């Protein structure tokens, strides 16, 4: 680990990962759970009657959840070719074991 953290992270900036297909369909219970945890109170995400009268015509998931649906799960192996997984691995090697997020453009 002779390289510095910045020397190891910098090459990962701007890299793209392959597209993933979610293992499960977007669904109301998971949207509700996420909104509860995040304190999101927009009724277009959780109130079917309100959402039906909106421009969406029904309940939709918050845009921030896009980074949730394609995750492999906490017990799945990280794909070392995925730049986000590689960044998290490097950060963990330097003691940052509780990383909240790595920036994603979706």
PDB file of N, CA and C in Angstrom:
ATOM      1  N   UNK A   1       0.837  -1.184   0.000  1.00  0.00           N
ATOM      2  CA  UNK A   1       0.000   0.000   0.000  1.00  0.00           C
ATOM      3  C   UNK A   1       0.882   1.247   0.000  1.00  0.00           C
ATOM      4  N   UNK A   2       1.929   1.253  -0.829  1.00  0.00           N
ATOM      5  CA  UNK A   2       2.838   2.380  -0.872  1.00  0.00           C
ATOM      6  C   UNK A   2       2.233   3.633  -1.467  1.00  0.00           C
ATOM      7  N   UNK A   3       1.240   3.481  -2.336  1.00  0.00           N
ATOM      8  CA  UNK A   3       0.597   4.650  -2.931  1.00  0.00           C
ATOM      9  C   UNK A   3      -0.299   5.331  -1.909  1.00  0.00           C
ATOM     10  N   UNK A   4      -0.500   6.628  -2.102  1.00  0.00           N
ATOM     11  CA  UNK A   4      -1.416   7.342  -1.217  1.00  0.00           C
ATOM     12  C   UNK A   4      -2.851   7.076  -1.647  1.00  0.00           C
ATOM     13  N   UNK A   5      -3.746   7.380  -0.748  1.00  0.00           N
ATOM     14  CA  UNK A   5      -5.172   7.223  -1.044  1.00  0.00           C
ATOM     15  C   UNK A   5      -5.540   7.980  -2.315  1.00  0.00           C
ATOM     16  N   UNK A   6      -5.109   9.226  -2.418  1.00  0.00           N
ATOM     17  CA  UNK A   6      -5.471  10.018  -3.607  1.00  0.00           C
ATOM     18  C   UNK A   6      -4.887   9.432  -4.879  1.00  0.00           C
ATOM     19  N   UNK A   7      -3.685   8.878  -4.810  1.00  0.00           N
ATOM     20  CA  UNK A   7      -3.086   8.256  -5.995  1.00  0.00           C
ATOM     21  C   UNK A   7      -3.872   7.021  -6.433  1.00  0.00           C
ATOM     22  N   UNK A   8      -4.482   6.343  -5.497  1.00  0.00           N
ATOM     23  CA  UNK A   8      -5.248   5.141  -5.835  1.00  0.00           C
ATOM     24  C   UNK A   8      -6.667   5.453  -6.259  1.00  0.00           C
ATOM     25  N   UNK A   9      -7.263   6.513  -5.695  1.00  0.00           N
ATOM     26  CA  UNK A   9      -8.642   6.871  -6.022  1.00  0.00           C
ATOM     27  C   UNK A   9      -8.733   7.644  -7.337  1.00  0.00           C
ATOM     28  N   UNK A  10      -7.770   8.502  -7.583  1.00  0.00           N
ATOM     29  CA  UNK A  10      -7.853   9.394  -8.749  1.00  0.00           C
ATOM     30  C   UNK A  10      -8.126   8.667 -10.070  1.00  0.00           C
ATOM     31  N   UNK A  11      -7.497   7.538 -10.361  1.00  0.00           N
ATOM     32  CA  UNK A  11      -7.784   6.861 -11.637  1.00  0.00           C
ATOM     33  C   UNK A  11      -9.222   6.342 -11.764  1.00  0.00           C
ATOM     34  N   UNK A  12      -9.941   6.266 -10.665  1.00  0.00           N
ATOM     35  CA  UNK A  12     -11.312   5.775 -10.706  1.00  0.00           C
ATOM     36  C   UNK A  12     -12.321   6.873 -11.027  1.00  0.00           C
ATOM     37  N   UNK A  13     -11.909   8.114 -10.899  1.00  0.00           N
ATOM     38  CA  UNK A  13     -12.812   9.249 -11.148  1.00  0.00           C
ATOM     39  C   UNK A  13     -13.181   9.298 -12.630  1.00  0.00           C
ATOM     40  N   UNK A  14     -14.477   9.416 -12.889  1.00  0.00           N
ATOM     41  CA  UNK A  14     -14.968   9.532 -14.256  1.00  0.00           C
ATOM     42  C   UNK A  14     -15.173   8.217 -14.981  1.00  0.00           C
ATOM     43  N   UNK A  15     -14.817   7.106 -14.377  1.00  0.00           N
ATOM     44  CA  UNK A  15     -15.045   5.803 -15.013  1.00  0.00           C
ATOM     45  C   UNK A  15     -16.505   5.419 -14.913  1.00  0.00           C
ATOM     46  N   UNK A  16     -16.969   4.663 -15.864  1.00  0.00           N
ATOM     47  CA  UNK A  16     -18.356   4.196 -15.879  1.00  0.00           C
ATOM     48  C   UNK A  16     -18.406   2.696 -15.649  1.00  0.00           C
ATOM     49  N   UNK A  17     -19.456   2.278 -14.988  1.00  0.00           N
ATOM     50  CA  UNK A  17     -19.682   0.851 -14.780  1.00  0.00           C
ATOM     51  C   UNK A  17     -20.647   0.333 -15.847  1.00  0.00           C
ATOM     52  N   UNK A  18     -20.706  -0.974 -15.966  1.00  0.00           N
ATOM     53  CA  UNK A  18     -21.657  -1.568 -16.894  1.00  0.00           C
ATOM     54  C   UNK A  18     -23.063  -1.336 -16.352  1.00  0.00           C
ATOM     55  N   UNK A  19     -24.047  -1.362 -17.238  1.00  0.00           N
ATOM     56  CA  UNK A  19     -25.436  -1.209 -16.823  1.00  0.00           C
ATOM     57  C   UNK A  19     -25.892  -2.477 -16.115  1.00  0.00           C
ATOM     58  N   UNK A  20     -26.703  -2.300 -15.101  1.00  0.00           N
ATOM     59  CA  UNK A  20     -27.232  -3.425 -14.332  1.00  0.00           C
ATOM     60  C   UNK A  20     -28.746  -3.467 -14.489  1.00  0.00           C
ATOM     61  N   UNK A  21     -29.274  -4.654 -14.465  1.00  0.00           N
ATOM     62  CA  UNK A  21     -30.713  -4.840 -14.415  1.00  0.00           C
ATOM     63  C   UNK A  21     -31.059  -5.208 -12.980  1.00  0.00           C
ATOM     64  N   UNK A  22     -32.040  -4.531 -12.434  1.00  0.00           N
ATOM     65  CA  UNK A  22     -32.429  -4.787 -11.055  1.00  0.00           C
ATOM     66  C   UNK A  22     -32.893  -6.229 -10.895  1.00  0.00           C
ATOM     67  N   UNK A  23     -32.554  -6.825  -9.772  1.00  0.00           N
ATOM     68  CA  UNK A  23     -32.963  -8.205  -9.488  1.00  0.00           C
ATOM     69  C   UNK A  23     -34.445  -8.293  -9.163  1.00  0.00           C
ATOM     70  N   UNK A  24     -35.004  -7.196  -8.674  1.00  0.00           N
ATOM     71  CA  UNK A  24     -36.404  -7.182  -8.272  1.00  0.00           C
ATOM     72  C   UNK A  24     -37.098  -5.974  -8.900  1.00  0.00           C
ATOM     73  N   UNK A  25     -38.411  -6.077  -9.110  1.00  0.00           N
ATOM     74  CA  UNK A  25     -39.137  -4.931  -9.666  1.00  0.00           C
ATOM     75  C   UNK A  25     -39.252  -3.799  -8.643  1.00  0.00           C
ATOM     76  N   UNK A  26     -39.330  -2.589  -9.159  1.00  0.00           N
ATOM     77  CA  UNK A  26     -39.621  -1.438  -8.303  1.00  0.00           C
ATOM     78  C   UNK A  26     -40.992  -1.699  -7.690  1.00  0.00           C
ATOM     79  N   UNK A  27     -41.127  -1.518  -6.386  1.00  0.00           N
ATOM     80  CA  UNK A  27     -42.396  -1.849  -5.751  1.00  0.00           C
ATOM     81  C   UNK A  27     -42.715  -0.892  -4.608  1.00  0.00           C
ATOM     82  N   UNK A  28     -43.997  -0.783  -4.338  1.00  0.00           N
ATOM     83  CA  UNK A  28     -44.503   0.152  -3.338  1.00  0.00           C
ATOM     84  C   UNK A  28     -43.944  -0.096  -1.931  1.00  0.00           C
ATOM     85  N   UNK A  29     -43.866  -1.339  -1.455  1.00  0.00           N
ATOM     86  CA  UNK A  29     -43.331  -1.521  -0.102  1.00  0.00           C
ATOM     87  C   UNK A  29     -41.900  -0.995   0.058  1.00  0.00           C
ATOM     88  N   UNK A  30     -41.036  -1.252  -0.925  1.00  0.00           N
ATOM     89  CA  UNK A  30     -39.655  -0.777  -0.816  1.00  0.00           C
ATOM     90  C   UNK A  30     -39.579   0.743  -0.929  1.00  0.00           C
ATOM     91  N   UNK A  31     -40.431   1.330  -1.777  1.00  0.00           N
ATOM     92  CA  UNK A  31     -40.481   2.794  -1.868  1.00  0.00           C
ATOM     93  C   UNK A  31     -40.895   3.368  -0.513  1.00  0.00           C
ATOM     94  N   UNK A  32     -41.910   2.774   0.086  1.00  0.00           N
ATOM     95  CA  UNK A  32     -42.390   3.256   1.389  1.00  0.00           C
ATOM     96  C   UNK A  32     -41.314   3.122   2.460  1.00  0.00           C
ATOM     97  N   UNK A  33     -40.641   1.974   2.494  1.00  0.00           N
ATOM     98  CA  UNK A  33     -39.569   1.778   3.478  1.00  0.00           C
ATOM     99  C   UNK A  33     -38.476   2.826   3.304  1.00  0.00           C
ATOM    100  N   UNK A  34     -38.059   3.043   2.066  1.00  0.00           N
ATOM    101  CA  UNK A  34     -36.995   4.009   1.783  1.00  0.00           C
ATOM    102  C   UNK A  34     -37.434   5.401   2.212  1.00  0.00           C
ATOM    103  N   UNK A  35     -38.660   5.774   1.869  1.00  0.00           N
ATOM    104  CA  UNK A  35     -39.167   7.102   2.242  1.00  0.00           C
ATOM    105  C   UNK A  35     -39.227   7.255   3.759  1.00  0.00           C
ATOM    106  N   UNK A  36     -39.637   6.203   4.460  1.00  0.00           N
ATOM    107  CA  UNK A  36     -39.666   6.241   5.926  1.00  0.00           C
ATOM    108  C   UNK A  36     -38.267   6.488   6.485  1.00  0.00           C
ATOM    109  N   UNK A  37     -37.302   5.725   6.015  1.00  0.00           N
ATOM    110  CA  UNK A  37     -35.936   5.840   6.516  1.00  0.00           C
ATOM    111  C   UNK A  37     -35.329   7.210   6.204  1.00  0.00           C
ATOM    112  N   UNK A  38     -35.593   7.709   5.014  1.00  0.00           N
ATOM    113  CA  UNK A  38     -34.994   8.974   4.580  1.00  0.00           C
ATOM    114  C   UNK A  38     -35.783  10.194   5.038  1.00  0.00           C
ATOM    115  N   UNK A  39     -36.968   9.983   5.587  1.00  0.00           N
ATOM    116  CA  UNK A  39     -37.794  11.115   6.001  1.00  0.00           C
ATOM    117  C   UNK A  39     -38.445  11.826   4.830  1.00  0.00           C
ATOM    118  N   UNK A  40     -38.567  11.141   3.721  1.00  0.00           N
ATOM    119  CA  UNK A  40     -39.177  11.707   2.506  1.00  0.00           C
ATOM    120  C   UNK A  40     -40.692  11.682   2.663  1.00  0.00           C
ATOM    121  N   UNK A  41     -41.309  12.829   2.533  1.00  0.00           N
ATOM    122  CA  UNK A  41     -42.750  12.927   2.772  1.00  0.00           C
ATOM    123  C   UNK A  41     -43.566  13.308   1.528  1.00  0.00           C
ATOM    124  N   UNK A  42     -42.975  13.315   0.360  1.00  0.00           N
ATOM    125  CA  UNK A  42     -43.703  13.657  -0.858  1.00  0.00           C
ATOM    126  C   UNK A  42     -44.752  12.576  -1.121  1.00  0.00           C
ATOM    127  N   UNK A  43     -46.045  12.931  -1.126  1.00  0.00           N
ATOM    128  CA  UNK A  43     -47.095  11.916  -1.280  1.00  0.00           C
ATOM    129  C   UNK A  43     -47.129  11.241  -2.651  1.00  0.00           C
ATOM    130  N   UNK A  44     -46.462  11.787  -3.643  1.00  0.00           N
ATOM    131  CA  UNK A  44     -46.443  11.132  -4.951  1.00  0.00           C
ATOM    132  C   UNK A  44     -45.679   9.798  -4.877  1.00  0.00           C
ATOM    133  N   UNK A  45     -44.884   9.635  -3.820  1.00  0.00           N
ATOM    134  CA  UNK A  45     -44.134   8.397  -3.630  1.00  0.00           C
ATOM    135  C   UNK A  45     -44.892   7.362  -2.804  1.00  0.00           C
ATOM    136  N   UNK A  46     -45.821   7.801  -1.978  1.00  0.00           N
ATOM    137  CA  UNK A  46     -46.417   6.862  -1.021  1.00  0.00           C
ATOM    138  C   UNK A  46     -47.943   6.859  -0.956  1.00  0.00           C
ATOM    139  N   UNK A  47     -48.590   7.829  -1.554  1.00  0.00           N
ATOM    140  CA  UNK A  47     -50.050   7.932  -1.470  1.00  0.00           C
ATOM    141  C   UNK A  47     -50.654   7.648  -2.840  1.00  0.00           C
ATOM    142  N   UNK A  48     -51.197   6.441  -3.058  1.00  0.00           N
ATOM    143  CA  UNK A  48     -51.716   6.075  -4.382  1.00  0.00           C
ATOM    144  C   UNK A  48     -52.766   7.050  -4.927  1.00  0.00           C
ATOM    145  N   UNK A  49     -53.675   7.552  -4.089  1.00  0.00           N
ATOM    146  CA  UNK A  49     -54.712   8.478  -4.569  1.00  0.00           C
ATOM    147  C   UNK A  49     -54.093   9.807  -5.011  1.00  0.00           C
ATOM    148  N   UNK A  50     -53.194  10.325  -4.201  1.00  0.00           N
ATOM    149  CA  UNK A  50     -52.522  11.574  -4.561  1.00  0.00           C
ATOM    150  C   UNK A  50     -51.700  11.378  -5.836  1.00  0.00           C
ATOM    151  N   UNK A  51     -50.948  10.288  -5.881  1.00  0.00           N
ATOM    152  CA  UNK A  51     -50.080  10.018  -7.030  1.00  0.00           C
ATOM    153  C   UNK A  51     -50.896   9.819  -8.308  1.00  0.00           C
ATOM    154  N   UNK A  52     -52.073   9.205  -8.203  1.00  0.00           N
ATOM    155  CA  UNK A  52     -52.924   8.985  -9.377  1.00  0.00           C
ATOM    156  C   UNK A  52     -53.372  10.307  -9.983  1.00  0.00           C
ATOM    157  N   UNK A  53     -53.549  11.315  -9.159  1.00  0.00           N
ATOM    158  CA  UNK A  53     -53.978  12.634  -9.649  1.00  0.00           C
ATOM    159  C   UNK A  53     -52.796  13.496 -10.099  1.00  0.00           C
ATOM    160  N   UNK A  54     -51.583  13.004  -9.935  1.00  0.00           N
ATOM    161  CA  UNK A  54     -50.395  13.776 -10.324  1.00  0.00           C
ATOM    162  C   UNK A  54     -50.087  13.578 -11.810  1.00  0.00           C
ATOM    163  N   UNK A  55     -49.076  14.273 -12.293  1.00  0.00           N
ATOM    164  CA  UNK A  55     -48.661  14.127 -13.696  1.00  0.00           C
ATOM    165  C   UNK A  55     -48.137  12.727 -13.983  1.00  0.00           C
ATOM    166  N   UNK A  56     -47.786  11.976 -12.934  1.00  0.00           N
ATOM    167  CA  UNK A  56     -47.244  10.629 -13.125  1.00  0.00           C
ATOM    168  C   UNK A  56     -48.336   9.582 -13.297  1.00  0.00           C
ATOM    169  N   UNK A  57     -49.538   9.869 -12.806  1.00  0.00           N
ATOM    170  CA  UNK A  57     -50.640   8.930 -12.934  1.00  0.00           C
ATOM    171  C   UNK A  57     -50.569   7.753 -11.985  1.00  0.00           C
ATOM    172  N   UNK A  58     -49.639   7.764 -11.074  1.00  0.00           N
ATOM    173  CA  UNK A  58     -49.506   6.689 -10.095  1.00  0.00           C
ATOM    174  C   UNK A  58     -48.250   6.890  -9.276  1.00  0.00           C
ATOM    175  N   UNK A  59     -48.082   6.036  -8.306  1.00  0.00           N
ATOM    176  CA  UNK A  59     -46.925   6.117  -7.417  1.00  0.00           C
ATOM    177  C   UNK A  59     -45.644   5.919  -8.219  1.00  0.00           C
ATOM    178  N   UNK A  60     -44.651   6.727  -7.924  1.00  0.00           N
ATOM    179  CA  UNK A  60     -43.326   6.600  -8.536  1.00  0.00           C
ATOM    180  C   UNK A  60     -42.292   6.519  -7.420  1.00  0.00           C
ATOM    181  N   UNK A  61     -41.139   6.000  -7.753  1.00  0.00           N
ATOM    182  CA  UNK A  61     -40.038   5.944  -6.796  1.00  0.00           C
ATOM    183  C   UNK A  61     -39.277   7.267  -6.832  1.00  0.00           C
ATOM    184  N   UNK A  62     -38.761   7.702  -5.693  1.00  0.00           N
ATOM    185  CA  UNK A  62     -37.922   8.898  -5.681  1.00  0.00           C
ATOM    186  C   UNK A  62     -36.714   8.690  -6.599  1.00  0.00           C
ATOM    187  N   UNK A  63     -36.319   9.708  -7.352  1.00  0.00           N
ATOM    188  CA  UNK A  63     -35.170   9.558  -8.254  1.00  0.00           C
ATOM    189  C   UNK A  63     -33.908   9.058  -7.549  1.00  0.00           C
ATOM    190  N   UNK A  64     -33.727   9.439  -6.295  1.00  0.00           N
ATOM    191  CA  UNK A  64     -32.534   9.013  -5.567  1.00  0.00           C
ATOM    192  C   UNK A  64     -32.497   7.500  -5.361  1.00  0.00           C
ATOM    193  N   UNK A  65     -33.618   6.833  -5.533  1.00  0.00           N
ATOM    194  CA  UNK A  65     -33.645   5.381  -5.373  1.00  0.00           C
ATOM    195  C   UNK A  65     -33.056   4.646  -6.575  1.00  0.00           C
ATOM    196  N   UNK A  66     -32.796   5.351  -7.664  1.00  0.00           N
ATOM    197  CA  UNK A  66     -32.227   4.675  -8.832  1.00  0.00           C
ATOM    198  C   UNK A  66     -30.936   3.946  -8.468  1.00  0.00           C
ATOM    199  N   UNK A  67     -30.191   4.512  -7.529  1.00  0.00           N
ATOM    200  CA  UNK A  67     -28.933   3.891  -7.129  1.00  0.00           C
ATOM    201  C   UNK A  67     -29.159   2.743  -6.149  1.00  0.00           C
ATOM    202  N   UNK A  68     -30.405   2.485  -5.781  1.00  0.00           N
ATOM    203  CA  UNK A  68     -30.737   1.412  -4.851  1.00  0.00           C
ATOM    204  C   UNK A  68     -31.139   0.140  -5.595  1.00  0.00           C
ATOM    205  N   UNK A  69     -31.951   0.281  -6.616  1.00  0.00           N
ATOM    206  CA  UNK A  69     -32.559  -0.891  -7.256  1.00  0.00           C
ATOM    207  C   UNK A  69     -31.557  -1.840  -7.885  1.00  0.00           C
ATOM    208  N   UNK A  70     -30.417  -1.337  -8.344  1.00  0.00           N
ATOM    209  CA  UNK A  70     -29.491  -2.229  -9.049  1.00  0.00           C
ATOM    210  C   UNK A  70     -28.392  -2.808  -8.161  1.00  0.00           C
ATOM    211  N   UNK A  71     -28.469  -2.559  -6.861  1.00  0.00           N
ATOM    212  CA  UNK A  71     -27.435  -3.085  -5.976  1.00  0.00           C
ATOM    213  C   UNK A  71     -27.570  -4.604  -5.835  1.00  0.00           C
ATOM    214  N   UNK A  72     -26.418  -5.315  -5.752  1.00  0.00           N
ATOM    215  CA  UNK A  72     -26.459  -6.768  -5.678  1.00  0.00           C
ATOM    216  C   UNK A  72     -26.859  -7.301  -4.304  1.00  0.00           C
ATOM    217  N   UNK A  73     -26.836  -6.488  -3.294  1.00  0.00           N
ATOM    218  CA  UNK A  73     -27.147  -6.943  -1.941  1.00  0.00           C
ATOM    219  C   UNK A  73     -25.898  -6.942  -1.083  1.00  0.00           C
ATOM    220  N   UNK A  74     -26.071  -6.880   0.209  1.00  0.00           N
ATOM    221  CA  UNK A  74     -24.909  -6.722   1.079  1.00  0.00           C
ATOM    222  C   UNK A  74     -24.059  -7.977   1.196  1.00  0.00           C
ATOM    223  N   UNK A  75     -24.587  -9.118   0.858  1.00  0.00           N
ATOM    224  CA  UNK A  75     -23.806 -10.350   0.955  1.00  0.00           C
ATOM    225  C   UNK A  75     -23.191 -10.773  -0.379  1.00  0.00           C
ATOM    226  N   UNK A  76     -23.415 -10.012  -1.403  1.00  0.00           N
ATOM    227  CA  UNK A  76     -22.874 -10.347  -2.715  1.00  0.00           C
ATOM    228  C   UNK A  76     -21.430  -9.846  -2.823  1.00  0.00           C
ATOM    229  N   UNK A  77     -20.640 -10.546  -3.619  1.00  0.00           N
ATOM    230  CA  UNK A  77     -19.264 -10.128  -3.857  1.00  0.00           C
ATOM    231  C   UNK A  77     -19.252  -8.842  -4.685  1.00  0.00           C
ATOM    232  N   UNK A  78     -18.326  -7.979  -4.394  1.00  0.00           N
ATOM    233  CA  UNK A  78     -18.155  -6.770  -5.192  1.00  0.00           C
ATOM    234  C   UNK A  78     -17.477  -7.124  -6.505  1.00  0.00           C
ATOM    235  N   UNK A  79     -17.952  -6.529  -7.575  1.00  0.00           N
ATOM    236  CA  UNK A  79     -17.343  -6.698  -8.891  1.00  0.00           C
ATOM    237  C   UNK A  79     -16.118  -5.790  -8.942  1.00  0.00           C
ATOM    238  N   UNK A  80     -14.899  -6.353  -8.965  1.00  0.00           N
ATOM    239  CA  UNK A  80     -13.709  -5.504  -8.953  1.00  0.00           C
ATOM    240  C   UNK A  80     -13.579  -4.624 -10.192  1.00  0.00           C
ATOM    241  N   UNK A  81     -14.306  -4.957 -11.268  1.00  0.00           N
ATOM    242  CA  UNK A  81     -14.287  -4.129 -12.466  1.00  0.00           C
ATOM    243  C   UNK A  81     -15.217  -2.926 -12.376  1.00  0.00           C
ATOM    244  N   UNK A  82     -16.051  -2.890 -11.349  1.00  0.00           N
ATOM    245  CA  UNK A  82     -16.972  -1.781 -11.162  1.00  0.00           C
ATOM    246  C   UNK A  82     -16.218  -0.663 -10.449  1.00  0.00           C
ATOM    247  N   UNK A  83     -16.144   0.540 -11.041  1.00  0.00           N
ATOM    248  CA  UNK A  83     -15.370   1.613 -10.417  1.00  0.00           C
ATOM    249  C   UNK A  83     -15.889   2.018  -9.037  1.00  0.00           C
ATOM    250  N   UNK A  84     -17.198   1.918  -8.808  1.00  0.00           N
ATOM    251  CA  UNK A  84     -17.727   2.257  -7.491  1.00  0.00           C
ATOM    252  C   UNK A  84     -17.258   1.230  -6.462  1.00  0.00           C
ATOM    253  N   UNK A  85     -17.312  -0.044  -6.809  1.00  0.00           N
ATOM    254  CA  UNK A  85     -16.833  -1.094  -5.909  1.00  0.00           C
ATOM    255  C   UNK A  85     -15.335  -0.931  -5.661  1.00  0.00           C
ATOM    256  N   UNK A  86     -14.586  -0.605  -6.709  1.00  0.00           N
ATOM    257  CA  UNK A  86     -13.143  -0.410  -6.556  1.00  0.00           C
ATOM    258  C   UNK A  86     -12.849   0.759  -5.615  1.00  0.00           C
ATOM    259  N   UNK A  87     -13.609   1.842  -5.742  1.00  0.00           N
ATOM    260  CA  UNK A  87     -13.413   3.003  -4.866  1.00  0.00           C
ATOM    261  C   UNK A  87     -13.711   2.638  -3.420  1.00  0.00           C
ATOM    262  N   UNK A  88     -14.789   1.911  -3.186  1.00  0.00           N
ATOM    263  CA  UNK A  88     -15.136   1.510  -1.823  1.00  0.00           C
ATOM    264  C   UNK A  88     -14.062   0.591  -1.235  1.00  0.00           C
ATOM    265  N   UNK A  89     -13.517  -0.299  -2.052  1.00  0.00           N
ATOM    266  CA  UNK A  89     -12.464  -1.204  -1.588  1.00  0.00           C
ATOM    267  C   UNK A  89     -11.222  -0.418  -1.180  1.00  0.00           C
ATOM    268  N   UNK A  90     -10.825   0.546  -2.004  1.00  0.00           N
ATOM    269  CA  UNK A  90      -9.663   1.377  -1.678  1.00  0.00           C
ATOM    270  C   UNK A  90      -9.924   2.160  -0.393  1.00  0.00           C
ATOM    271  N   UNK A  91     -11.091   2.771  -0.281  1.00  0.00           N
ATOM    272  CA  UNK A  91     -11.409   3.544   0.919  1.00  0.00           C
ATOM    273  C   UNK A  91     -11.355   2.667   2.167  1.00  0.00           C
ATOM    274  N   UNK A  92     -11.861   1.446   2.071  1.00  0.00           N
ATOM    275  CA  UNK A  92     -11.820   0.532   3.216  1.00  0.00           C
ATOM    276  C   UNK A  92     -10.388   0.187   3.604  1.00  0.00           C
ATOM    277  N   UNK A  93      -9.526   0.025   2.602  1.00  0.00           N
ATOM    278  CA  UNK A  93      -8.121  -0.287   2.886  1.00  0.00           C
ATOM    279  C   UNK A  93      -7.438   0.833   3.664  1.00  0.00           C
ATOM    280  N   UNK A  94      -7.941   2.034   3.548  1.00  0.00           N
ATOM    281  CA  UNK A  94      -7.387   3.184   4.264  1.00  0.00           C
ATOM    282  C   UNK A  94      -8.182   3.503   5.529  1.00  0.00           C
ATOM    283  N   UNK A  95      -9.044   2.581   5.959  1.00  0.00           N
ATOM    284  CA  UNK A  95      -9.741   2.732   7.222  1.00  0.00           C
ATOM    285  C   UNK A  95     -11.102   3.382   7.140  1.00  0.00           C
ATOM    286  N   UNK A  96     -11.551   3.752   5.948  1.00  0.00           N
ATOM    287  CA  UNK A  96     -12.870   4.361   5.783  1.00  0.00           C
ATOM    288  C   UNK A  96     -13.894   3.250   5.558  1.00  0.00           C
ATOM    289  N   UNK A  97     -14.264   2.573   6.634  1.00  0.00           N
ATOM    290  CA  UNK A  97     -15.111   1.391   6.540  1.00  0.00           C
ATOM    291  C   UNK A  97     -16.600   1.691   6.578  1.00  0.00           C
ATOM    292  N   UNK A  98     -16.962   2.923   6.800  1.00  0.00           N
ATOM    293  CA  UNK A  98     -18.377   3.284   6.901  1.00  0.00           C
ATOM    294  C   UNK A  98     -18.741   4.354   5.883  1.00  0.00           C
ATOM    295  N   UNK A  99     -18.281   4.176   4.663  1.00  0.00           N
ATOM    296  CA  UNK A  99     -18.556   5.129   3.616  1.00  0.00           C
ATOM    297  C   UNK A  99     -20.055   5.193   3.365  1.00  0.00           C
ATOM    298  N   UNK A 100     -20.613   6.388   3.380  1.00  0.00           N
ATOM    299  CA  UNK A 100     -22.048   6.557   3.163  1.00  0.00           C
ATOM    300  C   UNK A 100     -22.362   6.511   1.681  1.00  0.00           C
ATOM    301  N   UNK A 101     -21.555   7.138   0.853  1.00  0.00           N
ATOM    302  CA  UNK A 101     -21.847   7.171  -0.579  1.00  0.00           C
ATOM    303  C   UNK A 101     -20.605   7.517  -1.373  1.00  0.00           C
ATOM    304  N   UNK A 102     -20.597   7.045  -2.591  1.00  0.00           N
ATOM    305  CA  UNK A 102     -19.616   7.457  -3.578  1.00  0.00           C
ATOM    306  C   UNK A 102     -20.457   8.080  -4.687  1.00  0.00           C
ATOM    307  N   UNK A 103     -20.095   9.254  -5.116  1.00  0.00           N
ATOM    308  CA  UNK A 103     -20.918   9.992  -6.079  1.00  0.00           C
ATOM    309  C   UNK A 103     -21.253   9.156  -7.308  1.00  0.00           C
ATOM    310  N   UNK A 104     -22.505   9.177  -7.687  1.00  0.00           N
ATOM    311  CA  UNK A 104     -22.977   8.465  -8.869  1.00  0.00           C
ATOM    312  C   UNK A 104     -23.789   9.416  -9.731  1.00  0.00           C
ATOM    313  N   UNK A 105     -23.582   9.379 -11.012  1.00  0.00           N
ATOM    314  CA  UNK A 105     -24.425  10.108 -11.952  1.00  0.00           C
ATOM    315  C   UNK A 105     -25.335   9.103 -12.602  1.00  0.00           C
ATOM    316  N   UNK A 106     -26.646   9.302 -12.457  1.00  0.00           N
ATOM    317  CA  UNK A 106     -27.612   8.353 -12.995  1.00  0.00           C
ATOM    318  C   UNK A 106     -28.497   9.025 -14.033  1.00  0.00           C
TER     319      UNK A 106
END
